[in-house]
Amino acid sequence: MNILFPSRSNSELGRPGIPGSNDLENALRRLATRRANEINEREFLAREREEQRSRKLSV
């Protein structure tokens, strides 16, 4: 797992026989993943813009 979701035993995840008992944890995991992806995309685009600027200056 990661910092937001420390390792837990399977017996603590949800409640057997009750659909949706893991929904909150799954939603939080998806949100954390989405945020990390957005940060990575911003960093990638910033590097791309910087590379384009440096190429224009060297021409």
C-alpha atoms as a PDB file:
ATOM      1  CA  MET A   1       0.000   0.000   0.000  1.00  0.00           C
ATOM      2  CA  ASN A   2       1.109   3.611   0.439  1.00  0.00           C
ATOM      3  CA  ILE A   3       1.227   6.351   3.060  1.00  0.00           C
ATOM      4  CA  LEU A   4      -2.490   7.113   2.821  1.00  0.00           C
ATOM      5  CA  PHE A   5      -3.475   3.482   3.175  1.00  0.00           C
ATOM      6  CA  PRO A   6      -1.169   1.651   5.568  1.00  0.00           C
ATOM      7  CA  SER A   7      -1.024  -2.097   5.248  1.00  0.00           C
ATOM      8  CA  ARG A   8      -3.988  -3.786   6.900  1.00  0.00           C
ATOM      9  CA  SER A   9      -4.956  -7.402   7.210  1.00  0.00           C
ATOM     10  CA  ASN A  10      -7.690  -8.673   4.899  1.00  0.00           C
ATOM     11  CA  SER A  11      -9.942  -9.356   7.889  1.00  0.00           C
ATOM     12  CA  GLU A  12     -10.242  -5.591   8.465  1.00  0.00           C
ATOM     13  CA  LEU A  13     -11.203  -4.712   4.899  1.00  0.00           C
ATOM     14  CA  GLY A  14     -14.948  -4.367   4.568  1.00  0.00           C
ATOM     15  CA  ARG A  15     -17.459  -6.709   6.088  1.00  0.00           C
ATOM     16  CA  PRO A  16     -18.020 -10.114   4.523  1.00  0.00           C
ATOM     17  CA  GLY A  17     -21.436 -10.486   2.954  1.00  0.00           C
ATOM     18  CA  ILE A  18     -22.218  -6.756   2.959  1.00  0.00           C
ATOM     19  CA  PRO A  19     -21.916  -5.254  -0.527  1.00  0.00           C
ATOM     20  CA  GLY A  20     -20.323  -1.825  -0.621  1.00  0.00           C
ATOM     21  CA  SER A  21     -18.567  -2.089   2.721  1.00  0.00           C
ATOM     22  CA  ASN A  22     -15.259  -1.166   1.014  1.00  0.00           C
ATOM     23  CA  ASP A  23     -16.675   1.714  -1.027  1.00  0.00           C
ATOM     24  CA  LEU A  24     -15.153   4.542   1.008  1.00  0.00           C
ATOM     25  CA  GLU A  25     -11.694   3.008   1.067  1.00  0.00           C
ATOM     26  CA  ASN A  26     -11.849   2.291  -2.665  1.00  0.00           C
ATOM     27  CA  ALA A  27     -13.039   5.838  -3.399  1.00  0.00           C
ATOM     28  CA  LEU A  28     -10.210   7.330  -1.331  1.00  0.00           C
ATOM     29  CA  ARG A  29      -7.669   5.134  -3.097  1.00  0.00           C
ATOM     30  CA  ARG A  30      -8.998   6.232  -6.508  1.00  0.00           C
ATOM     31  CA  LEU A  31      -8.899   9.888  -5.424  1.00  0.00           C
ATOM     32  CA  ALA A  32      -5.289   9.593  -4.243  1.00  0.00           C
ATOM     33  CA  THR A  33      -4.342   7.913  -7.530  1.00  0.00           C
ATOM     34  CA  ARG A  34      -6.117  10.607  -9.552  1.00  0.00           C
ATOM     35  CA  ARG A  35      -4.335  13.385  -7.639  1.00  0.00           C
ATOM     36  CA  ALA A  36      -0.952  11.734  -8.136  1.00  0.00           C
ATOM     37  CA  ASN A  37      -1.685  11.391 -11.850  1.00  0.00           C
ATOM     38  CA  GLU A  38      -2.643  15.070 -12.148  1.00  0.00           C
ATOM     39  CA  ILE A  39       0.610  16.101 -10.452  1.00  0.00           C
ATOM     40  CA  ASN A  40       2.614  13.873 -12.799  1.00  0.00           C
ATOM     41  CA  GLU A  41       0.832  15.329 -15.827  1.00  0.00           C
ATOM     42  CA  ARG A  42       1.512  18.912 -14.691  1.00  0.00           C
ATOM     43  CA  GLU A  43       5.196  18.139 -14.163  1.00  0.00           C
ATOM     44  CA  PHE A  44       5.436  16.429 -17.548  1.00  0.00           C
ATOM     45  CA  LEU A  45       3.770  19.338 -19.353  1.00  0.00           C
ATOM     46  CA  ALA A  46       6.007  21.854 -17.580  1.00  0.00           C
ATOM     47  CA  ARG A  47       9.099  19.920 -18.723  1.00  0.00           C
ATOM     48  CA  GLU A  48       7.743  19.758 -22.276  1.00  0.00           C
ATOM     49  CA  ARG A  49       7.135  23.522 -22.338  1.00  0.00           C
ATOM     50  CA  GLU A  50      10.630  24.175 -21.008  1.00  0.00           C
ATOM     51  CA  GLU A  51      12.159  21.908 -23.668  1.00  0.00           C
ATOM     52  CA  GLN A  52      10.192  23.695 -26.390  1.00  0.00           C
ATOM     53  CA  ARG A  53      11.398  27.080 -25.106  1.00  0.00           C
ATOM     54  CA  SER A  54      15.008  25.946 -25.039  1.00  0.00           C
ATOM     55  CA  ARG A  55      14.714  24.549 -28.587  1.00  0.00           C
ATOM     56  CA  LYS A  56      13.288  27.860 -29.830  1.00  0.00           C
ATOM     57  CA  LEU A  57      16.098  29.801 -28.166  1.00  0.00           C
ATOM     58  CA  SER A  58      18.803  27.579 -29.665  1.00  0.00           C
ATOM     59  CA  VAL A  59      17.515  27.997 -33.227  1.00  0.00           C
END
